[in-house]
Amino acid sequence: MATLHLQNVPDDLYEKLQQPAASHNRSIDAQVITLLISALPTETKPSQNNTPNQSVKEILAESRRRRRVNPADFGLADSTTLNREDRDR
């Protein structure tokens, strides 16, 4: 198990941690771990496009916003030309 050391914790924040820790009979360390567990998202299966929790409408809107890429903009040949060259071999 990993160890985490915190420095320069403000006094008022430390006092805010002490109150719920004492009421739940926990140490400050256990209280911080409990708070971190509740604050961090649980594990989810990553979606295919690595953007979890996106609705279909959001995905479509994002795809419409993206700039269409033209190979000629990067000095690349058109795929039609390359296909014809391959067929003529």
Protein backbone atom coordinates (compact mmCIF):
# COMPACT_ATOMS: atom_id res chain seq x y z
CA MET A 1 0.00 0.00 0.00
CA ALA A 2 1.29 3.47 -0.87
CA THR A 3 2.08 6.18 1.65
CA LEU A 4 1.02 9.79 1.20
CA HIS A 5 2.50 12.62 3.27
CA LEU A 6 0.88 16.06 3.24
CA GLN A 7 2.65 19.23 4.27
CA ASN A 8 1.38 22.76 4.79
CA VAL A 9 -2.21 21.74 5.51
CA PRO A 10 -4.03 24.91 6.60
CA ASP A 11 -5.11 24.89 10.25
CA ASP A 12 -8.78 25.51 9.44
CA LEU A 13 -8.81 22.59 6.98
CA TYR A 14 -7.20 20.32 9.56
CA GLU A 15 -9.87 21.28 12.08
CA LYS A 16 -12.57 20.54 9.51
CA LEU A 17 -11.05 17.07 9.09
CA GLN A 18 -10.86 16.47 12.85
CA GLN A 19 -14.56 17.04 13.49
CA PRO A 20 -16.03 14.31 11.23
CA ALA A 21 -13.11 11.99 12.03
CA ALA A 22 -13.91 12.19 15.74
CA SER A 23 -17.64 11.76 15.20
CA HIS A 24 -17.01 8.58 13.18
CA ASN A 25 -14.25 7.32 15.51
CA ARG A 26 -11.64 7.57 12.75
CA SER A 27 -8.12 8.86 12.63
CA ILE A 28 -7.34 11.87 10.46
CA ASP A 29 -5.65 9.51 7.98
CA ALA A 30 -8.73 7.30 7.76
CA GLN A 31 -10.95 10.37 7.33
CA VAL A 32 -8.81 11.70 4.47
CA ILE A 33 -8.87 8.29 2.76
CA THR A 34 -12.66 8.15 3.14
CA LEU A 35 -13.01 11.63 1.64
CA LEU A 36 -10.69 10.78 -1.26
CA ILE A 37 -12.61 7.60 -2.03
CA SER A 38 -15.91 9.47 -2.09
CA ALA A 39 -14.49 12.38 -4.13
CA LEU A 40 -12.78 10.35 -6.85
CA PRO A 41 -14.81 8.64 -9.56
CA THR A 42 -15.20 4.91 -9.43
CA GLU A 43 -13.67 2.77 -12.14
CA THR A 44 -15.65 2.67 -15.35
CA LYS A 45 -15.09 0.76 -18.50
CA PRO A 46 -13.44 3.06 -21.03
CA SER A 47 -15.49 3.62 -24.11
CA GLN A 48 -14.10 2.99 -27.56
CA ASN A 49 -13.31 6.67 -28.14
CA ASN A 50 -11.88 7.21 -24.62
CA THR A 51 -14.53 9.78 -23.74
CA PRO A 52 -16.77 8.14 -21.16
CA ASN A 53 -20.26 9.38 -20.39
CA GLN A 54 -20.80 11.18 -23.69
CA SER A 55 -24.24 11.01 -25.16
CA VAL A 56 -24.81 10.24 -28.81
CA LYS A 57 -25.84 13.86 -29.39
CA GLU A 58 -22.58 15.12 -27.87
CA ILE A 59 -20.52 12.74 -29.98
CA LEU A 60 -22.32 13.82 -33.17
CA ALA A 61 -21.92 17.50 -32.28
CA GLU A 62 -18.20 16.99 -31.67
CA SER A 63 -17.75 15.20 -34.99
CA ARG A 64 -19.49 18.07 -36.79
CA ARG A 65 -17.20 20.61 -35.15
CA ARG A 66 -14.05 18.82 -36.26
CA ARG A 67 -12.27 20.14 -39.30
CA ARG A 68 -12.27 17.83 -42.26
CA VAL A 69 -8.76 16.78 -43.18
CA ASN A 70 -7.68 17.02 -46.77
CA PRO A 71 -4.50 15.04 -47.54
CA ALA A 72 -3.46 17.70 -50.07
CA ASP A 73 -3.19 20.19 -47.17
CA PHE A 74 -0.28 18.14 -45.88
CA GLY A 75 1.37 17.59 -49.25
CA LEU A 76 0.04 14.04 -49.54
CA ALA A 77 -1.35 12.50 -52.68
CA ASP A 78 -5.06 11.92 -53.11
CA SER A 79 -6.07 8.35 -52.28
CA THR A 80 -7.78 8.01 -55.67
CA THR A 81 -4.47 8.67 -57.40
CA LEU A 82 -2.67 6.17 -55.18
CA ASN A 83 -5.32 3.50 -55.85
CA ARG A 84 -4.98 3.99 -59.60
CA GLU A 85 -1.20 3.70 -59.38
CA ASP A 86 -1.57 0.43 -57.46
CA ARG A 87 -3.98 -1.01 -60.03
CA ASP A 88 -1.70 -0.08 -62.94
CA ARG A 89 1.25 -2.07 -61.51
